[in-house]
Amino acid sequence: TRAVKQAFPGMEVGVHLHSTADTHHAKLAAAWQAGCRRFDAALRGLGGCPMAGNALVGNMNTEWVFDYLNEQEIPLDYDRQALKAAAAMAQQIFQ
């Protein structure tokens, strides 16, 4: 992220991550500290890359992203109840 931001100043940089519960925090922290402010995530971490194997089975969980940003006291404008309801709906649909 740093190299891209240096090469293209003013460009918004985003990241698409795959993660397990054990490694998500470190990945989010590294991206944030490198200047990334746009995160691609999926409710409940659904989906993923079949070529990644078992080490990275799912997409970054949307709830983990919001939890991380809240822990860092980064101001967010979102409806927490709507996110919770959407995650519950995704769980029902994709059991």
C-alpha atoms as a PDB file:
ATOM      1  CA  THR A   1       0.000   0.000   0.000  1.00  0.00           C
ATOM      2  CA  ARG A   2       2.755   2.460   0.878  1.00  0.00           C
ATOM      3  CA  ALA A   3       4.510   1.979  -2.461  1.00  0.00           C
ATOM      4  CA  VAL A   4       1.263   2.466  -4.377  1.00  0.00           C
ATOM      5  CA  LYS A   5       0.403   5.594  -2.384  1.00  0.00           C
ATOM      6  CA  GLN A   6       3.882   7.003  -3.074  1.00  0.00           C
ATOM      7  CA  ALA A   7       3.665   6.215  -6.783  1.00  0.00           C
ATOM      8  CA  PHE A   8       0.131   7.608  -7.099  1.00  0.00           C
ATOM      9  CA  PRO A   9      -0.333  10.393  -4.544  1.00  0.00           C
ATOM     10  CA  GLY A  10      -3.940  11.317  -3.918  1.00  0.00           C
ATOM     11  CA  MET A  11      -5.277   7.979  -5.142  1.00  0.00           C
ATOM     12  CA  GLU A  12      -7.566   6.105  -2.780  1.00  0.00           C
ATOM     13  CA  VAL A  13      -6.130   2.680  -2.072  1.00  0.00           C
ATOM     14  CA  GLY A  14      -8.315  -0.281  -1.185  1.00  0.00           C
ATOM     15  CA  VAL A  15      -7.586  -3.806  -0.125  1.00  0.00           C
ATOM     16  CA  HIS A  16      -9.309  -7.148  -0.619  1.00  0.00           C
ATOM     17  CA  LEU A  17      -8.261  -9.633   2.044  1.00  0.00           C
ATOM     18  CA  HIS A  18      -8.836 -13.288   2.769  1.00  0.00           C
ATOM     19  CA  SER A  19      -8.419 -14.321   6.369  1.00  0.00           C
ATOM     20  CA  THR A  20      -9.044 -16.729   9.169  1.00  0.00           C
ATOM     21  CA  ALA A  21     -10.215 -15.650  12.611  1.00  0.00           C
ATOM     22  CA  ASP A  22      -6.648 -16.013  13.907  1.00  0.00           C
ATOM     23  CA  THR A  23      -5.024 -13.608  11.444  1.00  0.00           C
ATOM     24  CA  HIS A  24      -7.651 -11.003  10.585  1.00  0.00           C
ATOM     25  CA  HIS A  25      -6.619  -8.411  13.176  1.00  0.00           C
ATOM     26  CA  ALA A  26      -2.979  -8.318  12.079  1.00  0.00           C
ATOM     27  CA  LYS A  27      -3.986  -8.007   8.412  1.00  0.00           C
ATOM     28  CA  LEU A  28      -6.403  -5.157   9.098  1.00  0.00           C
ATOM     29  CA  ALA A  29      -3.848  -3.375  11.279  1.00  0.00           C
ATOM     30  CA  ALA A  30      -1.129  -3.673   8.633  1.00  0.00           C
ATOM     31  CA  ALA A  31      -3.424  -2.325   5.908  1.00  0.00           C
ATOM     32  CA  TRP A  32      -4.645   0.572   8.072  1.00  0.00           C
ATOM     33  CA  GLN A  33      -1.137   1.492   9.210  1.00  0.00           C
ATOM     34  CA  ALA A  34       0.037   1.455   5.580  1.00  0.00           C
ATOM     35  CA  GLY A  35      -2.610   4.052   4.721  1.00  0.00           C
ATOM     36  CA  CYS A  36      -5.413   1.906   3.334  1.00  0.00           C
ATOM     37  CA  ARG A  37      -8.836   3.391   4.041  1.00  0.00           C
ATOM     38  CA  ARG A  38     -11.012   1.225   1.815  1.00  0.00           C
ATOM     39  CA  PHE A  39     -11.709  -2.392   2.731  1.00  0.00           C
ATOM     40  CA  ASP A  40     -13.492  -4.986   0.637  1.00  0.00           C
ATOM     41  CA  ALA A  41     -15.234  -7.520   2.861  1.00  0.00           C
ATOM     42  CA  ALA A  42     -18.116 -10.008   2.847  1.00  0.00           C
ATOM     43  CA  LEU A  43     -20.827 -10.612   5.412  1.00  0.00           C
ATOM     44  CA  ARG A  44     -19.804 -13.548   7.609  1.00  0.00           C
ATOM     45  CA  GLY A  45     -16.659 -13.846   5.429  1.00  0.00           C
ATOM     46  CA  LEU A  46     -18.652 -15.789   2.868  1.00  0.00           C
ATOM     47  CA  GLY A  47     -17.034 -16.685  -0.400  1.00  0.00           C
ATOM     48  CA  GLY A  48     -13.361 -16.938  -1.001  1.00  0.00           C
ATOM     49  CA  CYS A  49     -10.848 -18.123  -3.474  1.00  0.00           C
ATOM     50  CA  PRO A  50     -10.786 -21.819  -4.306  1.00  0.00           C
ATOM     51  CA  MET A  51      -7.115 -21.500  -5.284  1.00  0.00           C
ATOM     52  CA  ALA A  52      -6.113 -20.230  -1.819  1.00  0.00           C
ATOM     53  CA  GLY A  53      -6.455 -23.611  -0.136  1.00  0.00           C
ATOM     54  CA  ASN A  54      -7.218 -24.064   3.530  1.00  0.00           C
ATOM     55  CA  ALA A  55      -4.861 -21.336   4.765  1.00  0.00           C
ATOM     56  CA  LEU A  56      -7.148 -18.557   3.517  1.00  0.00           C
ATOM     57  CA  VAL A  57     -10.552 -20.115   3.176  1.00  0.00           C
ATOM     58  CA  GLY A  58     -12.780 -17.068   3.254  1.00  0.00           C
ATOM     59  CA  ASN A  59     -13.081 -13.426   2.415  1.00  0.00           C
ATOM     60  CA  MET A  60     -12.464 -10.890   5.143  1.00  0.00           C
ATOM     61  CA  ASN A  61     -15.497 -10.845   7.414  1.00  0.00           C
ATOM     62  CA  THR A  62     -17.308  -7.479   7.317  1.00  0.00           C
ATOM     63  CA  GLU A  63     -17.995  -7.675  11.033  1.00  0.00           C
ATOM     64  CA  TRP A  64     -14.268  -8.076  11.751  1.00  0.00           C
ATOM     65  CA  VAL A  65     -13.523  -4.906   9.782  1.00  0.00           C
ATOM     66  CA  PHE A  66     -16.075  -2.882  11.739  1.00  0.00           C
ATOM     67  CA  ASP A  67     -14.925  -4.400  15.046  1.00  0.00           C
ATOM     68  CA  TYR A  68     -11.318  -3.460  14.269  1.00  0.00           C
ATOM     69  CA  LEU A  69     -12.209   0.107  13.303  1.00  0.00           C
ATOM     70  CA  ASN A  70     -14.351   0.485  16.420  1.00  0.00           C
ATOM     71  CA  GLU A  71     -11.498  -0.841  18.601  1.00  0.00           C
ATOM     72  CA  GLN A  72      -9.216   1.786  17.063  1.00  0.00           C
ATOM     73  CA  GLU A  73     -11.859   4.451  17.854  1.00  0.00           C
ATOM     74  CA  ILE A  74     -12.077   5.391  14.196  1.00  0.00           C
ATOM     75  CA  PRO A  75     -15.309   7.331  13.670  1.00  0.00           C
ATOM     76  CA  LEU A  76     -17.823   5.367  11.634  1.00  0.00           C
ATOM     77  CA  ASP A  77     -21.236   6.311  10.338  1.00  0.00           C
ATOM     78  CA  TYR A  78     -23.213   3.105   9.938  1.00  0.00           C
ATOM     79  CA  ASP A  79     -26.292   1.431  11.314  1.00  0.00           C
ATOM     80  CA  ARG A  80     -25.020  -1.236  13.713  1.00  0.00           C
ATOM     81  CA  GLN A  81     -28.430  -2.893  13.969  1.00  0.00           C
ATOM     82  CA  ALA A  82     -28.751  -3.103  10.177  1.00  0.00           C
ATOM     83  CA  LEU A  83     -25.300  -4.726   9.931  1.00  0.00           C
ATOM     84  CA  LYS A  84     -26.231  -7.222  12.632  1.00  0.00           C
ATOM     85  CA  ALA A  85     -29.529  -8.015  10.874  1.00  0.00           C
ATOM     86  CA  ALA A  86     -27.809  -8.425   7.497  1.00  0.00           C
ATOM     87  CA  ALA A  87     -25.217 -10.786   9.015  1.00  0.00           C
ATOM     88  CA  ALA A  88     -27.990 -12.857  10.629  1.00  0.00           C
ATOM     89  CA  MET A  89     -29.835 -13.010   7.311  1.00  0.00           C
ATOM     90  CA  ALA A  90     -26.658 -14.122   5.517  1.00  0.00           C
ATOM     91  CA  GLN A  91     -26.162 -16.833   8.120  1.00  0.00           C
ATOM     92  CA  GLN A  92     -29.692 -18.139   7.516  1.00  0.00           C
ATOM     93  CA  ILE A  93     -29.322 -18.108   3.750  1.00  0.00           C
ATOM     94  CA  PHE A  94     -25.815 -19.602   3.572  1.00  0.00           C
ATOM     95  CA  GLN A  95     -25.775 -22.135   6.416  1.00  0.00           C
END
